Amino acid sequence: MPMTPPVKINLASFDYYILKLSPDATAEQIYDKLVHLRKLDAFGRYLVIEFDGKISPEKQTEIIRLIKVNAEKLMFELKFILANEFALMKNIADIPVVELSLNLKSTPVSNPVLRIEEPIRSGIKIENDGDIVILNLVSHNAEIISGGNIHVYGDARGRLVAGRYGDKSARIFVQKFNPELISIAGIYKALDEKLPEHLLNKPAQVFLDDKDRLNVVAL
């Protein structure tokens, strides 16, 4: 999902959630993010949108109108759009574009751990903004995408994507290591060749070093 996690800020006596939108964010991804936010905060109300890339004015208007409709369904209110280099108009789809004070207190929204006990079959995709813990196998052609760490307490044969929002401290822990692909913070490595004996089907962890290189180390 090409959207960073929401950030909660306090302005006067109200809490706002800022949702950053990249140019390739789809309608489904935006709606899923709003649903996830509502699950995290049953009483939150106000939203602020921040465009995180160049989007045509026509596309911006289309996106904001879509968000307004979906926000109302989930009992959110879209208050304004954050002014930046990608949002220079005074308003978009009748939503004002304003600047926020830099000294506002912001708090990243914590994301719950997703814990799964069933096997992840081929063709299945599992996504979560927080950590993902799987107490079973991950089959070939299955995909695990986490905003944080990934833990697989079983065979890992599919694609493992951790730190989806750019968290370089994210790690992947596997009980039986044999994945098709590993990724941390957008840095990918396809494991097409046979793994060395000390890693194949052995406990291992994946992490980025200080030069942003993927490392796989036996546990």
N, C-alpha and C. Protein backbone atom coordinates (compact mmCIF):
# COMPACT_ATOMS: atom_id res chain seq x y z
N MET A 1 0.86 -1.19 0.00
CA MET A 1 0.00 0.00 0.00
C MET A 1 0.89 1.23 0.00
N PRO A 2 0.71 2.14 -0.95
CA PRO A 2 1.62 3.27 -1.07
C PRO A 2 1.20 4.45 -0.22
N MET A 3 0.82 4.21 1.02
CA MET A 3 0.42 5.29 1.91
C MET A 3 1.12 5.11 3.24
N THR A 4 1.67 6.19 3.79
CA THR A 4 2.30 6.10 5.09
C THR A 4 1.23 6.01 6.16
N PRO A 5 1.60 5.48 7.35
CA PRO A 5 0.62 5.39 8.42
C PRO A 5 0.11 6.76 8.82
N PRO A 6 -1.14 6.86 9.31
CA PRO A 6 -1.67 8.15 9.72
C PRO A 6 -0.93 8.70 10.93
N VAL A 7 -0.87 10.02 11.04
CA VAL A 7 -0.25 10.69 12.17
C VAL A 7 -1.31 11.51 12.88
N LYS A 8 -1.36 11.40 14.20
CA LYS A 8 -2.35 12.13 14.98
C LYS A 8 -1.71 13.39 15.55
N ILE A 9 -2.34 14.55 15.36
CA ILE A 9 -1.83 15.80 15.90
C ILE A 9 -2.91 16.48 16.70
N ASN A 10 -2.46 17.36 17.60
CA ASN A 10 -3.40 18.11 18.42
C ASN A 10 -3.37 19.56 17.99
N LEU A 11 -4.53 20.10 17.66
CA LEU A 11 -4.67 21.49 17.24
C LEU A 11 -5.82 22.08 18.04
N ALA A 12 -5.48 23.09 18.88
CA ALA A 12 -6.47 23.65 19.80
C ALA A 12 -6.99 22.51 20.68
N SER A 13 -8.29 22.27 20.67
CA SER A 13 -8.85 21.21 21.51
C SER A 13 -9.27 20.00 20.70
N PHE A 14 -8.79 19.90 19.46
CA PHE A 14 -9.22 18.82 18.59
C PHE A 14 -8.04 17.97 18.16
N ASP A 15 -8.31 16.69 17.94
CA ASP A 15 -7.32 15.78 17.38
C ASP A 15 -7.61 15.60 15.89
N TYR A 16 -6.55 15.65 15.09
CA TYR A 16 -6.66 15.44 13.65
C TYR A 16 -5.78 14.27 13.26
N TYR A 17 -6.20 13.57 12.24
CA TYR A 17 -5.36 12.54 11.64
C TYR A 17 -4.93 13.02 10.26
N ILE A 18 -3.62 12.99 10.02
CA ILE A 18 -3.10 13.35 8.71
C ILE A 18 -2.87 12.08 7.90
N LEU A 19 -3.49 12.02 6.73
CA LEU A 19 -3.29 10.90 5.81
C LEU A 19 -2.48 11.38 4.62
N LYS A 20 -1.31 10.79 4.42
CA LYS A 20 -0.48 11.14 3.27
C LYS A 20 -0.87 10.29 2.08
N LEU A 21 -1.05 10.94 0.93
CA LEU A 21 -1.46 10.25 -0.29
C LEU A 21 -0.37 10.36 -1.34
N SER A 22 0.12 9.23 -1.82
CA SER A 22 1.08 9.23 -2.91
C SER A 22 0.35 9.22 -4.24
N PRO A 23 1.02 9.59 -5.33
CA PRO A 23 0.34 9.65 -6.64
C PRO A 23 -0.27 8.34 -7.10
N ASP A 24 0.27 7.21 -6.65
CA ASP A 24 -0.24 5.92 -7.12
C ASP A 24 -1.21 5.26 -6.13
N ALA A 25 -1.68 6.01 -5.15
CA ALA A 25 -2.67 5.46 -4.21
C ALA A 25 -3.98 5.20 -4.94
N THR A 26 -4.53 4.00 -4.76
CA THR A 26 -5.78 3.64 -5.42
C THR A 26 -6.96 3.92 -4.49
N ALA A 27 -8.16 3.95 -5.08
CA ALA A 27 -9.37 4.19 -4.29
C ALA A 27 -9.54 3.11 -3.22
N GLU A 28 -9.24 1.88 -3.57
CA GLU A 28 -9.38 0.77 -2.62
C GLU A 28 -8.41 0.93 -1.45
N GLN A 29 -7.18 1.33 -1.76
CA GLN A 29 -6.18 1.50 -0.71
C GLN A 29 -6.56 2.65 0.23
N ILE A 30 -7.09 3.73 -0.33
CA ILE A 30 -7.51 4.86 0.49
C ILE A 30 -8.64 4.45 1.43
N TYR A 31 -9.61 3.73 0.88
CA TYR A 31 -10.74 3.29 1.71
C TYR A 31 -10.27 2.32 2.79
N ASP A 32 -9.38 1.40 2.44
CA ASP A 32 -8.86 0.46 3.43
C ASP A 32 -8.15 1.19 4.56
N LYS A 33 -7.42 2.25 4.21
CA LYS A 33 -6.73 3.03 5.23
C LYS A 33 -7.72 3.70 6.18
N LEU A 34 -8.81 4.23 5.64
CA LEU A 34 -9.82 4.86 6.48
C LEU A 34 -10.49 3.83 7.39
N VAL A 35 -10.77 2.65 6.85
CA VAL A 35 -11.37 1.59 7.66
C VAL A 35 -10.43 1.19 8.79
N HIS A 36 -9.15 1.05 8.45
CA HIS A 36 -8.15 0.68 9.46
C HIS A 36 -8.06 1.74 10.55
N LEU A 37 -8.10 3.00 10.15
CA LEU A 37 -8.03 4.10 11.12
C LEU A 37 -9.25 4.10 12.03
N ARG A 38 -10.41 3.81 11.47
CA ARG A 38 -11.61 3.76 12.30
C ARG A 38 -11.54 2.62 13.32
N LYS A 39 -10.93 1.51 12.94
CA LYS A 39 -10.77 0.40 13.87
C LYS A 39 -9.82 0.78 15.00
N LEU A 40 -8.79 1.57 14.68
CA LEU A 40 -7.83 1.99 15.70
C LEU A 40 -8.43 3.01 16.65
N ASP A 41 -9.29 3.87 16.15
CA ASP A 41 -9.87 4.95 16.96
C ASP A 41 -11.36 5.04 16.65
N ALA A 42 -12.16 4.51 17.55
CA ALA A 42 -13.61 4.46 17.31
C ALA A 42 -14.26 5.83 17.41
N PHE A 43 -13.55 6.81 18.01
CA PHE A 43 -14.17 8.11 18.26
C PHE A 43 -13.50 9.26 17.50
N GLY A 44 -12.40 9.00 16.81
CA GLY A 44 -11.74 10.05 16.05
C GLY A 44 -12.67 10.62 14.99
N ARG A 45 -12.51 11.91 14.69
CA ARG A 45 -13.46 12.54 13.78
C ARG A 45 -12.81 13.26 12.61
N TYR A 46 -11.77 14.04 12.85
CA TYR A 46 -11.29 14.97 11.84
C TYR A 46 -10.10 14.40 11.05
N LEU A 47 -10.13 14.64 9.74
CA LEU A 47 -9.06 14.20 8.85
C LEU A 47 -8.41 15.39 8.16
N VAL A 48 -7.11 15.28 7.94
CA VAL A 48 -6.35 16.23 7.14
C VAL A 48 -5.63 15.43 6.07
N ILE A 49 -5.66 15.90 4.85
CA ILE A 49 -5.02 15.20 3.74
C ILE A 49 -3.72 15.91 3.36
N GLU A 50 -2.67 15.12 3.13
CA GLU A 50 -1.40 15.66 2.64
C GLU A 50 -1.01 14.90 1.37
N PHE A 51 -0.89 15.62 0.27
CA PHE A 51 -0.43 14.99 -0.98
C PHE A 51 1.08 14.83 -0.92
N ASP A 52 1.54 13.60 -1.19
CA ASP A 52 2.96 13.28 -1.05
C ASP A 52 3.58 13.00 -2.42
N GLY A 53 3.20 13.78 -3.40
CA GLY A 53 3.72 13.63 -4.75
C GLY A 53 2.90 14.45 -5.72
N LYS A 54 3.43 14.64 -6.91
CA LYS A 54 2.77 15.49 -7.91
C LYS A 54 1.56 14.77 -8.50
N ILE A 55 0.41 15.41 -8.39
CA ILE A 55 -0.84 14.90 -8.94
C ILE A 55 -1.54 16.06 -9.65
N SER A 56 -2.12 15.80 -10.80
CA SER A 56 -2.80 16.86 -11.54
C SER A 56 -3.95 17.43 -10.72
N PRO A 57 -4.30 18.71 -10.92
CA PRO A 57 -5.43 19.30 -10.19
C PRO A 57 -6.72 18.52 -10.37
N GLU A 58 -6.94 18.01 -11.58
CA GLU A 58 -8.16 17.23 -11.83
C GLU A 58 -8.17 15.95 -11.00
N LYS A 59 -7.01 15.29 -10.92
CA LYS A 59 -6.92 14.05 -10.14
C LYS A 59 -7.05 14.35 -8.65
N GLN A 60 -6.47 15.46 -8.19
CA GLN A 60 -6.60 15.85 -6.79
C GLN A 60 -8.07 16.05 -6.42
N THR A 61 -8.79 16.74 -7.30
CA THR A 61 -10.22 16.98 -7.05
C THR A 61 -10.98 15.67 -6.97
N GLU A 62 -10.68 14.76 -7.89
CA GLU A 62 -11.34 13.45 -7.90
C GLU A 62 -11.07 12.68 -6.62
N ILE A 63 -9.81 12.70 -6.17
CA ILE A 63 -9.44 11.97 -4.96
C ILE A 63 -10.13 12.55 -3.73
N ILE A 64 -10.13 13.88 -3.62
CA ILE A 64 -10.73 14.52 -2.45
C ILE A 64 -12.24 14.25 -2.40
N ARG A 65 -12.90 14.30 -3.53
CA ARG A 65 -14.34 13.99 -3.55
C ARG A 65 -14.59 12.56 -3.10
N LEU A 66 -13.75 11.65 -3.55
CA LEU A 66 -13.90 10.25 -3.15
C LEU A 66 -13.68 10.09 -1.65
N ILE A 67 -12.66 10.76 -1.12
CA ILE A 67 -12.38 10.66 0.31
C ILE A 67 -13.52 11.24 1.12
N LYS A 68 -14.10 12.34 0.67
CA LYS A 68 -15.22 12.95 1.39
C LYS A 68 -16.37 11.97 1.52
N VAL A 69 -16.69 11.27 0.44
CA VAL A 69 -17.79 10.31 0.47
C VAL A 69 -17.49 9.16 1.42
N ASN A 70 -16.28 8.59 1.30
CA ASN A 70 -15.92 7.46 2.15
C ASN A 70 -15.76 7.86 3.61
N ALA A 71 -15.25 9.07 3.83
CA ALA A 71 -15.08 9.55 5.20
C ALA A 71 -16.42 9.68 5.90
N GLU A 72 -17.41 10.19 5.19
CA GLU A 72 -18.74 10.34 5.79
C GLU A 72 -19.34 8.98 6.16
N LYS A 73 -19.09 7.98 5.33
CA LYS A 73 -19.60 6.63 5.63
C LYS A 73 -19.04 6.10 6.94
N LEU A 74 -17.80 6.51 7.25
CA LEU A 74 -17.12 6.01 8.44
C LEU A 74 -17.13 7.03 9.57
N MET A 75 -17.99 8.06 9.44
CA MET A 75 -18.18 9.07 10.48
C MET A 75 -16.94 9.92 10.71
N PHE A 76 -16.16 10.15 9.64
CA PHE A 76 -15.06 11.11 9.68
C PHE A 76 -15.51 12.39 8.99
N GLU A 77 -14.80 13.48 9.29
CA GLU A 77 -15.04 14.75 8.62
C GLU A 77 -13.71 15.26 8.05
N LEU A 78 -13.68 15.47 6.75
CA LEU A 78 -12.47 15.99 6.10
C LEU A 78 -12.42 17.50 6.30
N LYS A 79 -11.48 17.98 7.12
CA LYS A 79 -11.44 19.38 7.50
C LYS A 79 -10.67 20.25 6.51
N PHE A 80 -9.45 19.83 6.18
CA PHE A 80 -8.67 20.63 5.24
C PHE A 80 -7.54 19.81 4.65
N ILE A 81 -6.84 20.41 3.69
CA ILE A 81 -5.72 19.80 2.99
C ILE A 81 -4.46 20.57 3.37
N LEU A 82 -3.41 19.85 3.66
CA LEU A 82 -2.17 20.48 4.09
C LEU A 82 -1.46 21.12 2.90
N ALA A 83 -1.15 22.41 3.04
CA ALA A 83 -0.45 23.13 1.97
C ALA A 83 1.00 22.66 1.89
N ASN A 84 1.45 22.35 0.68
CA ASN A 84 2.85 22.03 0.43
C ASN A 84 3.12 22.25 -1.05
N GLU A 85 4.26 21.78 -1.53
CA GLU A 85 4.62 22.02 -2.93
C GLU A 85 3.70 21.30 -3.90
N PHE A 86 2.93 20.32 -3.42
CA PHE A 86 2.03 19.57 -4.28
C PHE A 86 0.58 20.03 -4.16
N ALA A 87 0.31 20.93 -3.24
CA ALA A 87 -1.05 21.46 -3.05
C ALA A 87 -0.94 22.96 -2.86
N LEU A 88 -1.07 23.69 -3.95
CA LEU A 88 -0.83 25.13 -3.94
C LEU A 88 -2.10 25.95 -4.13
N MET A 89 -3.22 25.30 -4.47
CA MET A 89 -4.46 26.03 -4.65
C MET A 89 -5.07 26.40 -3.30
N LYS A 90 -6.01 27.34 -3.32
CA LYS A 90 -6.66 27.77 -2.08
C LYS A 90 -7.63 26.73 -1.56
N ASN A 91 -8.22 25.96 -2.47
CA ASN A 91 -9.10 24.87 -2.06
C ASN A 91 -9.14 23.82 -3.16
N ILE A 92 -9.48 22.62 -2.76
CA ILE A 92 -9.62 21.50 -3.69
C ILE A 92 -10.94 20.81 -3.37
N ALA A 93 -11.83 20.78 -4.35
CA ALA A 93 -13.16 20.17 -4.16
C ALA A 93 -13.85 20.78 -2.94
N ASP A 94 -13.73 22.10 -2.81
CA ASP A 94 -14.37 22.86 -1.73
C ASP A 94 -13.79 22.59 -0.35
N ILE A 95 -12.65 21.92 -0.29
CA ILE A 95 -11.94 21.71 0.98
C ILE A 95 -10.76 22.68 1.01
N PRO A 96 -10.65 23.53 2.04
CA PRO A 96 -9.57 24.53 2.07
C PRO A 96 -8.19 23.90 2.19
N VAL A 97 -7.22 24.57 1.57
CA VAL A 97 -5.82 24.18 1.67
C VAL A 97 -5.15 25.15 2.64
N VAL A 98 -4.62 24.65 3.74
CA VAL A 98 -4.08 25.52 4.79
C VAL A 98 -2.70 25.02 5.22
N GLU A 99 -1.99 25.90 5.92
CA GLU A 99 -0.70 25.55 6.49
C GLU A 99 -0.88 25.26 7.97
N LEU A 100 -0.15 24.25 8.45
CA LEU A 100 -0.18 23.91 9.87
C LEU A 100 1.09 24.40 10.54
N SER A 101 0.97 24.78 11.79
CA SER A 101 2.12 25.22 12.56
C SER A 101 3.10 24.07 12.72
N LEU A 102 4.40 24.39 12.64
CA LEU A 102 5.42 23.35 12.74
C LEU A 102 5.61 22.84 14.17
N ASN A 103 5.08 23.59 15.15
CA ASN A 103 5.31 23.17 16.53
C ASN A 103 4.17 22.33 17.10
N LEU A 104 3.27 21.89 16.24
CA LEU A 104 2.19 21.03 16.71
C LEU A 104 2.75 19.67 17.12
N LYS A 105 2.19 19.14 18.17
CA LYS A 105 2.62 17.84 18.66
C LYS A 105 2.01 16.75 17.80
N SER A 106 2.85 15.87 17.29
CA SER A 106 2.35 14.77 16.46
C SER A 106 2.73 13.44 17.08
N THR A 107 1.86 12.47 16.90
CA THR A 107 2.08 11.14 17.44
C THR A 107 1.70 10.11 16.39
N PRO A 108 2.66 9.27 15.94
CA PRO A 108 2.30 8.22 14.99
C PRO A 108 1.24 7.29 15.59
N VAL A 109 0.32 6.89 14.76
CA VAL A 109 -0.73 5.97 15.22
C VAL A 109 -0.14 4.58 15.37
N SER A 110 -0.30 4.01 16.56
CA SER A 110 0.22 2.66 16.78
C SER A 110 -0.64 1.66 16.03
N ASN A 111 0.01 0.66 15.48
CA ASN A 111 -0.70 -0.36 14.71
C ASN A 111 -0.62 -1.69 15.42
N PRO A 112 -1.72 -2.37 15.59
CA PRO A 112 -1.72 -3.64 16.32
C PRO A 112 -1.01 -4.74 15.55
N VAL A 113 -0.51 -5.70 16.30
CA VAL A 113 0.12 -6.87 15.70
C VAL A 113 -0.97 -7.78 15.13
N LEU A 114 -0.74 -8.25 13.91
CA LEU A 114 -1.65 -9.21 13.29
C LEU A 114 -1.10 -10.61 13.53
N ARG A 115 -1.87 -11.44 14.21
CA ARG A 115 -1.45 -12.79 14.56
C ARG A 115 -2.32 -13.80 13.82
N ILE A 116 -1.68 -14.69 13.07
CA ILE A 116 -2.41 -15.65 12.24
C ILE A 116 -1.94 -17.06 12.58
N GLU A 117 -2.88 -17.94 12.84
CA GLU A 117 -2.55 -19.32 13.18
C GLU A 117 -2.71 -20.28 12.00
N GLU A 118 -3.50 -19.88 11.00
CA GLU A 118 -3.75 -20.76 9.86
C GLU A 118 -2.60 -20.68 8.85
N PRO A 119 -2.39 -21.73 8.05
CA PRO A 119 -1.39 -21.66 6.97
C PRO A 119 -1.80 -20.63 5.92
N ILE A 120 -0.81 -19.95 5.36
CA ILE A 120 -1.06 -18.96 4.30
C ILE A 120 -0.85 -19.67 2.97
N ARG A 121 -1.93 -19.95 2.27
CA ARG A 121 -1.88 -20.74 1.06
C ARG A 121 -1.39 -19.92 -0.13
N SER A 122 -1.02 -20.63 -1.19
CA SER A 122 -0.55 -20.00 -2.42
C SER A 122 -1.58 -19.02 -2.97
N GLY A 123 -1.11 -17.83 -3.38
CA GLY A 123 -1.99 -16.82 -3.95
C GLY A 123 -2.61 -15.88 -2.94
N ILE A 124 -2.43 -16.14 -1.64
CA ILE A 124 -3.00 -15.30 -0.60
C ILE A 124 -2.04 -14.16 -0.27
N LYS A 125 -2.59 -12.96 -0.07
CA LYS A 125 -1.80 -11.81 0.35
C LYS A 125 -2.29 -11.35 1.72
N ILE A 126 -1.36 -11.21 2.66
CA ILE A 126 -1.66 -10.72 4.01
C ILE A 126 -0.96 -9.38 4.19
N GLU A 127 -1.72 -8.35 4.62
CA GLU A 127 -1.16 -7.02 4.82
C GLU A 127 -1.54 -6.49 6.20
N ASN A 128 -0.61 -5.76 6.82
CA ASN A 128 -0.90 -5.10 8.09
C ASN A 128 0.09 -3.95 8.27
N ASP A 129 -0.39 -2.83 8.83
CA ASP A 129 0.49 -1.70 9.05
C ASP A 129 1.46 -1.94 10.20
N GLY A 130 1.11 -2.83 11.12
CA GLY A 130 2.00 -3.19 12.21
C GLY A 130 2.72 -4.49 11.91
N ASP A 131 3.24 -5.14 12.97
CA ASP A 131 3.94 -6.41 12.80
C ASP A 131 2.96 -7.50 12.39
N ILE A 132 3.50 -8.54 11.76
CA ILE A 132 2.72 -9.72 11.41
C ILE A 132 3.41 -10.94 12.01
N VAL A 133 2.64 -11.74 12.75
CA VAL A 133 3.15 -12.98 13.34
C VAL A 133 2.33 -14.13 12.78
N ILE A 134 3.01 -15.07 12.14
CA ILE A 134 2.34 -16.23 11.53
C ILE A 134 2.83 -17.49 12.23
N LEU A 135 1.90 -18.23 12.79
CA LEU A 135 2.24 -19.44 13.54
C LEU A 135 2.04 -20.68 12.69
N ASN A 136 2.36 -20.58 11.41
CA ASN A 136 2.16 -21.68 10.48
C ASN A 136 3.04 -21.42 9.26
N LEU A 137 2.79 -22.13 8.18
CA LEU A 137 3.62 -21.98 6.99
C LEU A 137 3.12 -20.86 6.08
N VAL A 138 4.03 -20.36 5.25
CA VAL A 138 3.72 -19.42 4.18
C VAL A 138 4.08 -20.11 2.87
N SER A 139 3.09 -20.44 2.07
CA SER A 139 3.31 -21.24 0.86
C SER A 139 3.95 -20.42 -0.26
N HIS A 140 4.44 -21.13 -1.29
CA HIS A 140 4.92 -20.47 -2.50
C HIS A 140 3.81 -19.60 -3.08
N ASN A 141 4.20 -18.44 -3.63
CA ASN A 141 3.28 -17.49 -4.26
C ASN A 141 2.33 -16.81 -3.27
N ALA A 142 2.53 -17.01 -1.98
CA ALA A 142 1.82 -16.21 -0.98
C ALA A 142 2.67 -14.99 -0.67
N GLU A 143 2.02 -13.93 -0.17
CA GLU A 143 2.74 -12.67 0.07
C GLU A 143 2.36 -12.11 1.43
N ILE A 144 3.38 -11.76 2.21
CA ILE A 144 3.19 -11.15 3.53
C ILE A 144 3.78 -9.75 3.47
N ILE A 145 2.95 -8.73 3.73
CA ILE A 145 3.38 -7.33 3.63
C ILE A 145 3.11 -6.64 4.96
N SER A 146 4.17 -6.18 5.60
CA SER A 146 4.04 -5.60 6.94
C SER A 146 4.67 -4.21 7.00
N GLY A 147 4.03 -3.32 7.77
CA GLY A 147 4.64 -2.02 8.03
C GLY A 147 5.77 -2.12 9.03
N GLY A 148 5.82 -3.21 9.79
CA GLY A 148 6.86 -3.43 10.78
C GLY A 148 7.62 -4.71 10.51
N ASN A 149 7.74 -5.54 11.54
CA ASN A 149 8.48 -6.79 11.43
C ASN A 149 7.57 -7.94 10.97
N ILE A 150 8.21 -9.00 10.50
CA ILE A 150 7.51 -10.24 10.14
C ILE A 150 8.12 -11.39 10.92
N HIS A 151 7.28 -12.19 11.55
CA HIS A 151 7.71 -13.39 12.26
C HIS A 151 6.95 -14.58 11.66
N VAL A 152 7.67 -15.57 11.19
CA VAL A 152 7.04 -16.78 10.65
C VAL A 152 7.56 -17.98 11.44
N TYR A 153 6.68 -18.58 12.23
CA TYR A 153 7.05 -19.75 13.03
C TYR A 153 6.63 -21.01 12.28
N GLY A 154 7.28 -21.20 11.14
CA GLY A 154 6.99 -22.33 10.26
C GLY A 154 7.77 -22.16 8.98
N ASP A 155 7.44 -22.94 7.96
CA ASP A 155 8.08 -22.81 6.65
C ASP A 155 7.71 -21.47 6.03
N ALA A 156 8.71 -20.77 5.49
CA ALA A 156 8.46 -19.51 4.77
C ALA A 156 8.95 -19.68 3.35
N ARG A 157 8.01 -19.86 2.42
CA ARG A 157 8.36 -20.14 1.03
C ARG A 157 7.88 -19.05 0.07
N GLY A 158 7.11 -18.10 0.56
CA GLY A 158 6.55 -17.07 -0.30
C GLY A 158 7.37 -15.79 -0.30
N ARG A 159 6.68 -14.65 -0.47
CA ARG A 159 7.33 -13.34 -0.52
C ARG A 159 7.10 -12.62 0.80
N LEU A 160 8.18 -12.14 1.40
CA LEU A 160 8.13 -11.51 2.72
C LEU A 160 8.58 -10.06 2.59
N VAL A 161 7.67 -9.12 2.83
CA VAL A 161 7.93 -7.69 2.65
C VAL A 161 7.71 -7.00 3.99
N ALA A 162 8.79 -6.54 4.62
CA ALA A 162 8.70 -5.86 5.91
C ALA A 162 9.05 -4.38 5.74
N GLY A 163 8.65 -3.56 6.71
CA GLY A 163 8.97 -2.13 6.65
C GLY A 163 8.43 -1.45 5.42
N ARG A 164 7.19 -1.74 5.05
CA ARG A 164 6.63 -1.28 3.78
C ARG A 164 6.62 0.24 3.63
N TYR A 165 6.63 0.97 4.75
CA TYR A 165 6.59 2.43 4.69
C TYR A 165 7.97 3.06 4.80
N GLY A 166 9.01 2.25 4.70
CA GLY A 166 10.36 2.79 4.74
C GLY A 166 11.08 2.61 6.06
N ASP A 167 10.55 1.77 6.95
CA ASP A 167 11.19 1.53 8.24
C ASP A 167 12.39 0.60 8.06
N LYS A 168 13.59 1.20 8.07
CA LYS A 168 14.80 0.42 7.84
C LYS A 168 15.21 -0.43 9.04
N SER A 169 14.57 -0.21 10.17
CA SER A 169 14.87 -1.02 11.35
C SER A 169 14.03 -2.29 11.41
N ALA A 170 13.09 -2.43 10.48
CA ALA A 170 12.24 -3.63 10.45
C ALA A 170 13.09 -4.87 10.16
N ARG A 171 12.62 -6.00 10.67
CA ARG A 171 13.33 -7.26 10.48
C ARG A 171 12.35 -8.38 10.12
N ILE A 172 12.91 -9.43 9.56
CA ILE A 172 12.15 -10.63 9.21
C ILE A 172 12.76 -11.81 9.97
N PHE A 173 11.93 -12.52 10.72
CA PHE A 173 12.38 -13.69 11.48
C PHE A 173 11.63 -14.92 10.98
N VAL A 174 12.37 -15.96 10.64
CA VAL A 174 11.76 -17.15 10.04
C VAL A 174 12.31 -18.40 10.73
N GLN A 175 11.42 -19.36 10.97
CA GLN A 175 11.85 -20.61 11.58
C GLN A 175 12.47 -21.55 10.56
N LYS A 176 11.85 -21.62 9.35
CA LYS A 176 12.40 -22.43 8.26
C LYS A 176 12.50 -21.54 7.03
N PHE A 177 13.72 -21.11 6.74
CA PHE A 177 13.96 -20.06 5.75
C PHE A 177 14.12 -20.63 4.34
N ASN A 178 13.18 -20.30 3.45
CA ASN A 178 13.29 -20.68 2.04
C ASN A 178 12.34 -19.82 1.20
N PRO A 179 12.36 -18.49 1.38
CA PRO A 179 11.39 -17.64 0.68
C PRO A 179 11.76 -17.38 -0.78
N GLU A 180 10.76 -16.95 -1.54
CA GLU A 180 10.99 -16.57 -2.94
C GLU A 180 11.60 -15.18 -3.04
N LEU A 181 11.21 -14.32 -2.10
CA LEU A 181 11.65 -12.92 -2.15
C LEU A 181 11.62 -12.37 -0.73
N ILE A 182 12.60 -11.50 -0.44
CA ILE A 182 12.62 -10.79 0.84
C ILE A 182 12.77 -9.30 0.55
N SER A 183 12.19 -8.47 1.41
CA SER A 183 12.27 -7.03 1.22
C SER A 183 12.14 -6.33 2.57
N ILE A 184 12.96 -5.31 2.75
CA ILE A 184 12.85 -4.42 3.91
C ILE A 184 12.97 -2.99 3.43
N ALA A 185 11.98 -2.17 3.76
CA ALA A 185 11.98 -0.74 3.42
C ALA A 185 12.18 -0.51 1.92
N GLY A 186 11.58 -1.36 1.11
CA GLY A 186 11.64 -1.18 -0.34
C GLY A 186 12.87 -1.75 -1.01
N ILE A 187 13.78 -2.35 -0.25
CA ILE A 187 14.99 -2.96 -0.81
C ILE A 187 14.73 -4.46 -0.95
N TYR A 188 14.71 -4.93 -2.20
CA TYR A 188 14.26 -6.28 -2.50
C TYR A 188 15.43 -7.19 -2.88
N LYS A 189 15.20 -8.46 -2.67
CA LYS A 189 16.12 -9.48 -3.17
C LYS A 189 15.32 -10.73 -3.49
N ALA A 190 15.36 -11.14 -4.77
CA ALA A 190 14.71 -12.39 -5.19
C ALA A 190 15.69 -13.54 -4.94
N LEU A 191 15.21 -14.58 -4.31
CA LEU A 191 16.06 -15.71 -3.97
C LEU A 191 15.82 -16.83 -4.96
N ASP A 192 16.36 -16.64 -6.17
CA ASP A 192 16.14 -17.59 -7.26
C ASP A 192 17.03 -18.82 -7.14
N GLU A 193 18.24 -18.62 -6.63
CA GLU A 193 19.18 -19.73 -6.53
C GLU A 193 19.00 -20.47 -5.21
N LYS A 194 19.49 -21.70 -5.19
CA LYS A 194 19.38 -22.50 -3.97
C LYS A 194 20.18 -21.85 -2.86
N LEU A 195 19.57 -21.79 -1.68
CA LEU A 195 20.23 -21.18 -0.53
C LEU A 195 21.34 -22.09 -0.01
N PRO A 196 22.35 -21.51 0.64
CA PRO A 196 23.39 -22.34 1.26
C PRO A 196 22.81 -23.20 2.37
N GLU A 197 23.49 -24.29 2.66
CA GLU A 197 22.97 -25.27 3.61
C GLU A 197 22.72 -24.69 5.00
N HIS A 198 23.55 -23.73 5.41
CA HIS A 198 23.40 -23.19 6.77
C HIS A 198 22.18 -22.28 6.89
N LEU A 199 21.52 -21.95 5.75
CA LEU A 199 20.32 -21.12 5.78
C LEU A 199 19.06 -21.87 5.32
N LEU A 200 19.21 -22.79 4.38
CA LEU A 200 18.06 -23.47 3.80
C LEU A 200 17.27 -24.23 4.86
N ASN A 201 16.00 -23.81 5.02
CA ASN A 201 15.09 -24.44 5.98
C ASN A 201 15.61 -24.38 7.42
N LYS A 202 16.45 -23.38 7.69
CA LYS A 202 16.97 -23.17 9.04
C LYS A 202 16.41 -21.87 9.61
N PRO A 203 16.43 -21.70 10.93
CA PRO A 203 16.03 -20.42 11.52
C PRO A 203 16.96 -19.30 11.06
N ALA A 204 16.37 -18.17 10.66
CA ALA A 204 17.18 -17.07 10.13
C ALA A 204 16.46 -15.74 10.35
N GLN A 205 17.24 -14.68 10.27
CA GLN A 205 16.66 -13.34 10.32
C GLN A 205 17.22 -12.51 9.17
N VAL A 206 16.41 -11.54 8.72
CA VAL A 206 16.80 -10.64 7.63
C VAL A 206 16.76 -9.21 8.18
N PHE A 207 17.80 -8.43 7.86
CA PHE A 207 17.84 -7.05 8.31
C PHE A 207 18.70 -6.23 7.35
N LEU A 208 18.59 -4.90 7.44
CA LEU A 208 19.42 -3.99 6.66
C LEU A 208 20.61 -3.55 7.48
N ASP A 209 21.79 -3.52 6.86
CA ASP A 209 22.96 -2.98 7.56
C ASP A 209 23.04 -1.47 7.35
N ASP A 210 24.11 -0.85 7.84
CA ASP A 210 24.21 0.61 7.78
C ASP A 210 24.45 1.14 6.37
N LYS A 211 24.64 0.24 5.41
CA LYS A 211 24.78 0.63 4.01
C LYS A 211 23.55 0.22 3.19
N ASP A 212 22.47 -0.06 3.89
CA ASP A 212 21.19 -0.43 3.27
C ASP A 212 21.30 -1.69 2.42
N ARG A 213 22.09 -2.63 2.88
CA ARG A 213 22.19 -3.92 2.21
C ARG A 213 21.43 -4.97 3.01
N LEU A 214 20.72 -5.84 2.29
CA LEU A 214 19.99 -6.91 2.95
C LEU A 214 20.96 -7.98 3.45
N ASN A 215 20.80 -8.34 4.70
CA ASN A 215 21.62 -9.39 5.30
C ASN A 215 20.72 -10.52 5.78
N VAL A 216 21.13 -11.75 5.51
CA VAL A 216 20.43 -12.93 6.02
C VAL A 216 21.40 -13.68 6.92
N VAL A 217 21.01 -13.84 8.19
CA VAL A 217 21.90 -14.44 9.18
C VAL A 217 21.17 -15.60 9.86
N ALA A 218 21.87 -16.71 10.00
CA ALA A 218 21.29 -17.86 10.70
C ALA A 218 21.13 -17.53 12.18
N LEU A 219 20.07 -18.05 12.77
CA LEU A 219 19.81 -17.84 14.20
C LEU A 219 20.27 -19.05 15.02
